[in-house]
């Protein structure tokens, strides 16, 4: 039958599985309400894929693209908020080191001028600190031994 009607088998089986789903306007409104509830329940982080999976667990089965279209029409967009941690306190009362190099980064002597930097790397729920120290003459890292 699929060959005669020139219909893809996947489309037929999808239709067969979902033919009983009522897609009237009232059903669309109910679906939009469920999407809004899921979106708010998960603090506006879930996108269409996660909302589709979450709704499917409760027996509400629709395609991800249809849910994405409804979310777009409802102007619901997932917002991922980066956790920001202030790492610099410029208003402290500790002594500040003098700017000895004064942006003169060239030297002829090994081990005479060293520069360093620090960065923060989040691993699971903790911040880890990575410090790099470089000799300006050889441009090699301090090996830490």
C-alpha atoms as a PDB file:
ATOM      1  CA  UNK A   1       0.000   0.000   0.000  1.00  0.00           C
ATOM      2  CA  UNK A   2       2.826   2.423   0.859  1.00  0.00           C
ATOM      3  CA  UNK A   3       4.506   1.720  -2.470  1.00  0.00           C
ATOM      4  CA  UNK A   4       1.233   2.227  -4.398  1.00  0.00           C
ATOM      5  CA  UNK A   5       0.463   5.519  -2.570  1.00  0.00           C
ATOM      6  CA  UNK A   6       4.129   6.568  -2.710  1.00  0.00           C
ATOM      7  CA  UNK A   7       4.244   7.083   1.049  1.00  0.00           C
ATOM      8  CA  UNK A   8       7.298   6.391   3.186  1.00  0.00           C
ATOM      9  CA  UNK A   9       6.863   3.433   5.559  1.00  0.00           C
ATOM     10  CA  UNK A  10       8.086   5.543   8.489  1.00  0.00           C
ATOM     11  CA  UNK A  11       5.379   8.122   7.796  1.00  0.00           C
ATOM     12  CA  UNK A  12       2.704   5.453   7.665  1.00  0.00           C
ATOM     13  CA  UNK A  13       3.785   3.874  10.953  1.00  0.00           C
ATOM     14  CA  UNK A  14       4.016   7.300  12.596  1.00  0.00           C
ATOM     15  CA  UNK A  15       0.489   8.112  11.401  1.00  0.00           C
ATOM     16  CA  UNK A  16      -0.775   4.720  12.562  1.00  0.00           C
ATOM     17  CA  UNK A  17       0.727   5.243  16.015  1.00  0.00           C
ATOM     18  CA  UNK A  18      -0.574   8.806  16.389  1.00  0.00           C
ATOM     19  CA  UNK A  19      -3.832   8.813  14.394  1.00  0.00           C
ATOM     20  CA  UNK A  20      -5.973   8.856  17.532  1.00  0.00           C
ATOM     21  CA  UNK A  21      -4.384  12.029  18.878  1.00  0.00           C
ATOM     22  CA  UNK A  22      -6.905  14.839  18.662  1.00  0.00           C
ATOM     23  CA  UNK A  23      -5.202  17.921  17.228  1.00  0.00           C
ATOM     24  CA  UNK A  24      -8.054  20.401  17.470  1.00  0.00           C
ATOM     25  CA  UNK A  25      -7.598  23.982  18.664  1.00  0.00           C
ATOM     26  CA  UNK A  26      -8.606  23.117  22.224  1.00  0.00           C
ATOM     27  CA  UNK A  27      -6.046  20.316  22.241  1.00  0.00           C
ATOM     28  CA  UNK A  28      -3.439  22.743  20.899  1.00  0.00           C
ATOM     29  CA  UNK A  29      -4.253  25.163  23.718  1.00  0.00           C
ATOM     30  CA  UNK A  30      -3.955  22.345  26.264  1.00  0.00           C
ATOM     31  CA  UNK A  31      -0.609  21.332  24.785  1.00  0.00           C
ATOM     32  CA  UNK A  32       0.608  24.920  24.885  1.00  0.00           C
ATOM     33  CA  UNK A  33      -0.412  25.096  28.542  1.00  0.00           C
ATOM     34  CA  UNK A  34       1.475  21.863  29.294  1.00  0.00           C
ATOM     35  CA  UNK A  35       4.537  23.211  27.488  1.00  0.00           C
ATOM     36  CA  UNK A  36       4.364  26.434  29.514  1.00  0.00           C
ATOM     37  CA  UNK A  37       4.014  24.457  32.765  1.00  0.00           C
ATOM     38  CA  UNK A  38       7.038  22.263  31.930  1.00  0.00           C
ATOM     39  CA  UNK A  39       9.035  25.315  30.840  1.00  0.00           C
ATOM     40  CA  UNK A  40       8.364  27.137  34.111  1.00  0.00           C
ATOM     41  CA  UNK A  41       8.749  23.968  36.196  1.00  0.00           C
ATOM     42  CA  UNK A  42      12.312  23.628  34.945  1.00  0.00           C
ATOM     43  CA  UNK A  43      13.171  27.303  35.501  1.00  0.00           C
ATOM     44  CA  UNK A  44      13.080  28.268  31.799  1.00  0.00           C
ATOM     45  CA  UNK A  45      16.104  26.080  31.059  1.00  0.00           C
ATOM     46  CA  UNK A  46      14.429  23.255  29.103  1.00  0.00           C
ATOM     47  CA  UNK A  47      14.323  23.559  25.331  1.00  0.00           C
ATOM     48  CA  UNK A  48      11.980  21.780  22.953  1.00  0.00           C
ATOM     49  CA  UNK A  49      13.873  18.480  23.074  1.00  0.00           C
ATOM     50  CA  UNK A  50      13.775  18.154  26.851  1.00  0.00           C
ATOM     51  CA  UNK A  51      10.179  19.359  27.051  1.00  0.00           C
ATOM     52  CA  UNK A  52       9.175  16.817  24.384  1.00  0.00           C
ATOM     53  CA  UNK A  53      10.790  14.000  26.372  1.00  0.00           C
ATOM     54  CA  UNK A  54       9.269  15.217  29.619  1.00  0.00           C
ATOM     55  CA  UNK A  55       5.785  15.396  28.104  1.00  0.00           C
ATOM     56  CA  UNK A  56       6.204  11.967  26.485  1.00  0.00           C
ATOM     57  CA  UNK A  57       6.822  10.480  29.945  1.00  0.00           C
ATOM     58  CA  UNK A  58       3.369  11.720  30.962  1.00  0.00           C
ATOM     59  CA  UNK A  59       1.747  10.273  27.819  1.00  0.00           C
ATOM     60  CA  UNK A  60       1.610  13.486  25.788  1.00  0.00           C
ATOM     61  CA  UNK A  61       3.325  12.490  22.532  1.00  0.00           C
ATOM     62  CA  UNK A  62       4.152  15.114  19.910  1.00  0.00           C
ATOM     63  CA  UNK A  63       7.166  15.633  17.694  1.00  0.00           C
ATOM     64  CA  UNK A  64      10.007  17.800  18.916  1.00  0.00           C
ATOM     65  CA  UNK A  65       9.688  20.081  15.889  1.00  0.00           C
ATOM     66  CA  UNK A  66       5.997  20.720  16.615  1.00  0.00           C
ATOM     67  CA  UNK A  67       6.786  21.541  20.243  1.00  0.00           C
ATOM     68  CA  UNK A  68       9.630  23.794  19.056  1.00  0.00           C
ATOM     69  CA  UNK A  69       7.217  25.620  16.735  1.00  0.00           C
ATOM     70  CA  UNK A  70       4.707  26.133  19.533  1.00  0.00           C
ATOM     71  CA  UNK A  71       7.446  27.342  21.873  1.00  0.00           C
ATOM     72  CA  UNK A  72       8.591  29.814  19.243  1.00  0.00           C
ATOM     73  CA  UNK A  73       5.017  31.060  18.775  1.00  0.00           C
ATOM     74  CA  UNK A  74       4.714  31.411  22.557  1.00  0.00           C
ATOM     75  CA  UNK A  75       8.102  33.199  22.643  1.00  0.00           C
ATOM     76  CA  UNK A  76       9.522  30.630  25.050  1.00  0.00           C
ATOM     77  CA  UNK A  77      13.267  30.331  24.684  1.00  0.00           C
ATOM     78  CA  UNK A  78      15.500  28.371  26.985  1.00  0.00           C
ATOM     79  CA  UNK A  79      17.940  30.554  28.852  1.00  0.00           C
ATOM     80  CA  UNK A  80      21.115  29.026  30.150  1.00  0.00           C
ATOM     81  CA  UNK A  81      22.543  31.150  32.889  1.00  0.00           C
ATOM     82  CA  UNK A  82      26.227  30.841  33.584  1.00  0.00           C
ATOM     83  CA  UNK A  83      27.077  30.780  37.216  1.00  0.00           C
ATOM     84  CA  UNK A  84      29.235  33.834  37.759  1.00  0.00           C
ATOM     85  CA  UNK A  85      31.598  34.131  40.645  1.00  0.00           C
ATOM     86  CA  UNK A  86      33.325  37.392  41.425  1.00  0.00           C
ATOM     87  CA  UNK A  87      37.008  36.587  41.782  1.00  0.00           C
ATOM     88  CA  UNK A  88      38.495  40.058  42.077  1.00  0.00           C
ATOM     89  CA  UNK A  89      38.132  42.361  45.052  1.00  0.00           C
ATOM     90  CA  UNK A  90      39.672  45.681  44.052  1.00  0.00           C
ATOM     91  CA  UNK A  91      38.540  47.417  47.237  1.00  0.00           C
ATOM     92  CA  UNK A  92      40.671  45.385  49.624  1.00  0.00           C
ATOM     93  CA  UNK A  93      43.129  46.915  52.095  1.00  0.00           C
ATOM     94  CA  UNK A  94      46.018  44.566  51.405  1.00  0.00           C
ATOM     95  CA  UNK A  95      49.254  45.897  49.927  1.00  0.00           C
ATOM     96  CA  UNK A  96      49.494  45.787  46.123  1.00  0.00           C
ATOM     97  CA  UNK A  97      52.743  44.606  44.523  1.00  0.00           C
ATOM     98  CA  UNK A  98      54.779  47.150  42.581  1.00  0.00           C
ATOM     99  CA  UNK A  99      54.810  46.960  38.791  1.00  0.00           C
ATOM    100  CA  UNK A 100      58.488  46.037  38.549  1.00  0.00           C
ATOM    101  CA  UNK A 101      58.464  44.996  34.868  1.00  0.00           C
ATOM    102  CA  UNK A 102      56.575  48.095  33.711  1.00  0.00           C
ATOM    103  CA  UNK A 103      55.625  46.160  30.520  1.00  0.00           C
ATOM    104  CA  UNK A 104      59.291  45.513  29.618  1.00  0.00           C
ATOM    105  CA  UNK A 105      58.993  41.825  28.766  1.00  0.00           C
ATOM    106  CA  UNK A 106      62.393  41.286  27.125  1.00  0.00           C
ATOM    107  CA  UNK A 107      65.471  40.087  28.979  1.00  0.00           C
ATOM    108  CA  UNK A 108      68.873  38.564  28.180  1.00  0.00           C
ATOM    109  CA  UNK A 109      69.228  36.686  31.480  1.00  0.00           C
ATOM    110  CA  UNK A 110      67.632  33.310  32.197  1.00  0.00           C
ATOM    111  CA  UNK A 111      65.539  33.354  35.360  1.00  0.00           C
ATOM    112  CA  UNK A 112      65.704  37.145  35.641  1.00  0.00           C
ATOM    113  CA  UNK A 113      62.082  37.930  34.725  1.00  0.00           C
ATOM    114  CA  UNK A 114      59.154  35.656  35.428  1.00  0.00           C
ATOM    115  CA  UNK A 115      55.481  36.235  34.682  1.00  0.00           C
ATOM    116  CA  UNK A 116      52.448  34.320  35.884  1.00  0.00           C
ATOM    117  CA  UNK A 117      48.737  34.062  35.406  1.00  0.00           C
ATOM    118  CA  UNK A 118      45.915  32.300  37.162  1.00  0.00           C
ATOM    119  CA  UNK A 119      42.675  30.889  35.825  1.00  0.00           C
ATOM    120  CA  UNK A 120      39.674  29.182  37.360  1.00  0.00           C
ATOM    121  CA  UNK A 121      38.302  25.881  36.076  1.00  0.00           C
ATOM    122  CA  UNK A 122      34.967  24.529  37.241  1.00  0.00           C
ATOM    123  CA  UNK A 123      35.000  20.777  37.907  1.00  0.00           C
ATOM    124  CA  UNK A 124      31.624  19.401  39.026  1.00  0.00           C
ATOM    125  CA  UNK A 125      30.516  21.855  41.717  1.00  0.00           C
ATOM    126  CA  UNK A 126      33.927  23.144  42.737  1.00  0.00           C
ATOM    127  CA  UNK A 127      36.340  25.749  41.397  1.00  0.00           C
ATOM    128  CA  UNK A 128      39.916  24.648  40.777  1.00  0.00           C
ATOM    129  CA  UNK A 129      42.754  27.095  40.271  1.00  0.00           C
ATOM    130  CA  UNK A 130      45.493  26.760  37.663  1.00  0.00           C
ATOM    131  CA  UNK A 131      48.590  28.914  37.862  1.00  0.00           C
ATOM    132  CA  UNK A 132      51.191  29.230  35.113  1.00  0.00           C
ATOM    133  CA  UNK A 133      54.669  30.684  35.687  1.00  0.00           C
ATOM    134  CA  UNK A 134      56.892  31.416  32.655  1.00  0.00           C
ATOM    135  CA  UNK A 135      60.513  32.553  32.348  1.00  0.00           C
ATOM    136  CA  UNK A 136      60.461  35.454  29.865  1.00  0.00           C
ATOM    137  CA  UNK A 137      63.926  34.722  28.438  1.00  0.00           C
ATOM    138  CA  UNK A 138      63.410  31.030  27.622  1.00  0.00           C
ATOM    139  CA  UNK A 139      59.592  31.232  27.433  1.00  0.00           C
ATOM    140  CA  UNK A 140      59.470  27.916  29.278  1.00  0.00           C
ATOM    141  CA  UNK A 141      57.135  26.965  32.074  1.00  0.00           C
ATOM    142  CA  UNK A 142      58.402  26.547  35.587  1.00  0.00           C
ATOM    143  CA  UNK A 143      58.404  22.769  35.967  1.00  0.00           C
ATOM    144  CA  UNK A 144      57.244  22.737  39.587  1.00  0.00           C
ATOM    145  CA  UNK A 145      60.005  20.545  41.053  1.00  0.00           C
END
